[in-house]
């Protein structure tokens, strides 16, 4: 199938699921390859100020007036999954100075030194950091995120991919 509406994140994820399952010949049988993708995807209609979001095991955040609104993902990946459910399109009316963050789990899951213990950064700390820095210019936020990451990580090995994508509306 081909996507008829390239502005619908939920339909894009469904199409990706179809293509991935077909490419990897995933049928759900025991012992077959079962890789999938965790992803957040959004589109913005700048005429109506509407954000459309869909996620596969990967949420996103909308920060408005220093408050986080979690854009919740469907709890399954793009690809084969034993409890496969359709991806949901969520719609939000954007306001001036809203900031949207799309991200992988790599930043929060990274091990580092905290209070002389090796531990993950955690999603809670990641959220707190975003609230703390969200009003700063995006270039300054990038610098703070990088400095925080490297100061904490120290000599620990990077364990996962890391991407944080911020959009100020």
Protein backbone atom coordinates (compact mmCIF):
# COMPACT_ATOMS: atom_id res chain seq x y z
CA UNK A 1 0.00 0.00 0.00
CA UNK A 2 1.04 3.58 -0.46
CA UNK A 3 0.30 6.33 2.02
CA UNK A 4 -2.40 8.62 0.70
CA UNK A 5 -1.87 11.30 3.33
CA UNK A 6 1.77 12.13 4.06
CA UNK A 7 0.75 14.51 6.86
CA UNK A 8 -0.70 11.77 9.07
CA UNK A 9 1.99 10.37 11.40
CA UNK A 10 -0.20 7.39 12.35
CA UNK A 11 -0.64 6.36 8.70
CA UNK A 12 3.07 6.84 8.02
CA UNK A 13 3.91 4.51 10.94
CA UNK A 14 1.37 1.94 9.72
CA UNK A 15 2.96 2.03 6.26
CA UNK A 16 6.43 1.70 7.81
CA UNK A 17 5.17 -1.32 9.78
CA UNK A 18 3.82 -2.94 6.62
CA UNK A 19 7.10 -2.35 4.72
CA UNK A 20 9.29 -3.54 7.60
CA UNK A 21 7.29 -6.72 8.14
CA UNK A 22 7.37 -7.45 4.41
CA UNK A 23 11.10 -6.65 4.06
CA UNK A 24 12.10 -8.83 7.03
CA UNK A 25 9.48 -11.49 6.19
CA UNK A 26 8.04 -11.14 9.67
CA UNK A 27 4.99 -13.31 10.29
CA UNK A 28 5.09 -13.70 14.06
CA UNK A 29 6.41 -17.25 14.08
CA UNK A 30 8.66 -18.37 16.92
CA UNK A 31 12.43 -18.00 16.26
CA UNK A 32 12.05 -15.59 13.34
CA UNK A 33 13.74 -12.20 13.15
CA UNK A 34 11.68 -9.71 15.20
CA UNK A 35 13.49 -6.36 15.02
CA UNK A 36 11.37 -3.25 15.17
CA UNK A 37 11.70 0.51 15.42
CA UNK A 38 10.74 2.78 18.31
CA UNK A 39 9.94 6.21 16.94
CA UNK A 40 8.09 9.49 17.52
CA UNK A 41 6.70 11.28 14.52
CA UNK A 42 4.84 14.54 14.15
CA UNK A 43 3.60 16.98 11.56
CA UNK A 44 2.54 20.58 12.03
CA UNK A 45 -0.13 22.41 10.08
CA UNK A 46 1.08 26.01 10.28
CA UNK A 47 -2.22 27.30 8.82
CA UNK A 48 -4.29 25.88 11.69
CA UNK A 49 -1.53 25.72 14.37
CA UNK A 50 -2.22 22.01 14.84
CA UNK A 51 0.35 19.40 15.80
CA UNK A 52 -0.34 15.80 14.81
CA UNK A 53 1.59 13.11 16.69
CA UNK A 54 1.94 9.34 16.66
CA UNK A 55 4.52 7.24 18.44
CA UNK A 56 5.71 3.65 18.46
CA UNK A 57 7.08 2.89 21.95
CA UNK A 58 8.44 6.43 22.01
CA UNK A 59 6.63 9.42 23.49
CA UNK A 60 7.34 13.09 22.89
CA UNK A 61 6.95 16.17 25.05
CA UNK A 62 5.16 19.44 24.49
CA UNK A 63 6.22 22.11 26.97
CA UNK A 64 3.82 25.02 27.41
CA UNK A 65 4.22 27.65 30.14
CA UNK A 66 6.89 25.51 31.81
CA UNK A 67 4.52 22.50 32.06
CA UNK A 68 5.19 19.19 30.28
CA UNK A 69 2.42 17.53 28.32
CA UNK A 70 3.42 13.99 27.39
CA UNK A 71 2.39 12.92 23.91
CA UNK A 72 1.93 9.22 24.58
CA UNK A 73 3.03 6.49 22.21
CA UNK A 74 1.31 3.22 21.41
CA UNK A 75 3.14 0.49 23.38
CA UNK A 76 4.48 -1.45 20.42
CA UNK A 77 7.18 -0.92 17.80
CA UNK A 78 7.02 -0.44 14.06
CA UNK A 79 7.45 -4.06 12.94
CA UNK A 80 6.10 -7.37 14.16
CA UNK A 81 4.75 -7.46 17.70
CA UNK A 82 2.74 -10.07 19.58
CA UNK A 83 0.16 -7.50 20.76
CA UNK A 84 0.01 -5.35 17.66
CA UNK A 85 -2.36 -2.40 17.87
CA UNK A 86 -2.94 0.46 15.44
CA UNK A 87 -0.97 3.66 15.85
CA UNK A 88 -3.07 6.56 17.12
CA UNK A 89 -3.09 10.08 15.73
CA UNK A 90 -3.17 12.71 18.45
CA UNK A 91 -3.98 16.33 17.70
CA UNK A 92 -2.93 19.37 19.74
CA UNK A 93 -3.57 23.06 19.17
CA UNK A 94 -0.19 24.81 19.37
CA UNK A 95 0.40 28.19 20.97
CA UNK A 96 3.19 30.68 20.47
CA UNK A 97 6.39 29.63 22.28
CA UNK A 98 5.30 26.01 22.74
CA UNK A 99 8.28 23.72 22.40
CA UNK A 100 8.08 20.15 21.13
CA UNK A 101 10.79 17.60 21.94
CA UNK A 102 11.17 14.35 20.02
CA UNK A 103 13.89 12.06 21.37
CA UNK A 104 15.27 8.56 21.55
CA UNK A 105 15.63 6.74 24.87
CA UNK A 106 19.44 6.85 24.68
CA UNK A 107 19.93 10.03 26.73
CA UNK A 108 17.79 8.87 29.68
CA UNK A 109 19.16 5.30 29.54
CA UNK A 110 22.84 6.34 29.48
CA UNK A 111 24.87 5.19 32.46
CA UNK A 112 27.06 7.67 34.26
CA UNK A 113 28.36 8.71 37.65
CA UNK A 114 25.86 10.30 40.03
CA UNK A 115 26.70 10.75 43.71
CA UNK A 116 29.63 8.32 43.27
CA UNK A 117 27.31 5.61 41.92
CA UNK A 118 27.00 4.30 38.38
CA UNK A 119 23.38 4.72 37.35
CA UNK A 120 21.15 5.67 34.45
CA UNK A 121 20.32 9.32 33.89
CA UNK A 122 16.57 8.37 33.95
CA UNK A 123 13.57 9.82 32.15
CA UNK A 124 12.62 11.73 35.32
CA UNK A 125 15.94 13.63 35.31
CA UNK A 126 15.64 14.17 31.55
CA UNK A 127 12.18 15.73 31.98
CA UNK A 128 13.42 17.93 34.83
CA UNK A 129 16.34 19.11 32.70
CA UNK A 130 14.03 19.97 29.79
CA UNK A 131 11.76 21.99 32.09
CA UNK A 132 14.80 23.78 33.50
CA UNK A 133 16.18 24.76 30.08
CA UNK A 134 13.13 25.02 27.80
CA UNK A 135 12.92 28.83 27.84
CA UNK A 136 16.52 29.24 26.69
CA UNK A 137 17.41 29.57 22.98
CA UNK A 138 17.61 26.17 21.27
CA UNK A 139 21.36 26.54 20.60
CA UNK A 140 21.97 27.10 24.32
CA UNK A 141 19.74 24.12 25.18
CA UNK A 142 21.86 21.95 22.88
CA UNK A 143 25.03 23.06 24.69
CA UNK A 144 23.52 22.37 28.12
CA UNK A 145 22.25 18.93 27.05
CA UNK A 146 25.66 18.00 25.63
CA UNK A 147 27.57 19.30 28.67
CA UNK A 148 25.23 17.50 31.08
CA UNK A 149 25.56 14.29 29.10
CA UNK A 150 29.37 14.31 28.91
CA UNK A 151 29.87 15.54 32.51
CA UNK A 152 27.76 12.64 33.77
CA UNK A 153 28.89 9.97 31.33
CA UNK A 154 32.59 10.53 32.05
CA UNK A 155 34.39 7.34 30.98
CA UNK A 156 31.24 5.23 30.59
CA UNK A 157 30.67 3.73 27.18
CA UNK A 158 27.77 5.12 25.15
CA UNK A 159 25.16 2.34 25.15
CA UNK A 160 22.55 3.54 22.65
CA UNK A 161 21.78 6.05 19.96
CA UNK A 162 20.96 9.55 21.19
CA UNK A 163 18.83 12.10 19.42
CA UNK A 164 16.97 15.06 20.89
CA UNK A 165 15.06 17.24 18.47
CA UNK A 166 13.47 20.47 19.70
CA UNK A 167 11.07 22.73 17.82
CA UNK A 168 9.92 26.08 19.17
CA UNK A 169 6.61 27.15 17.69
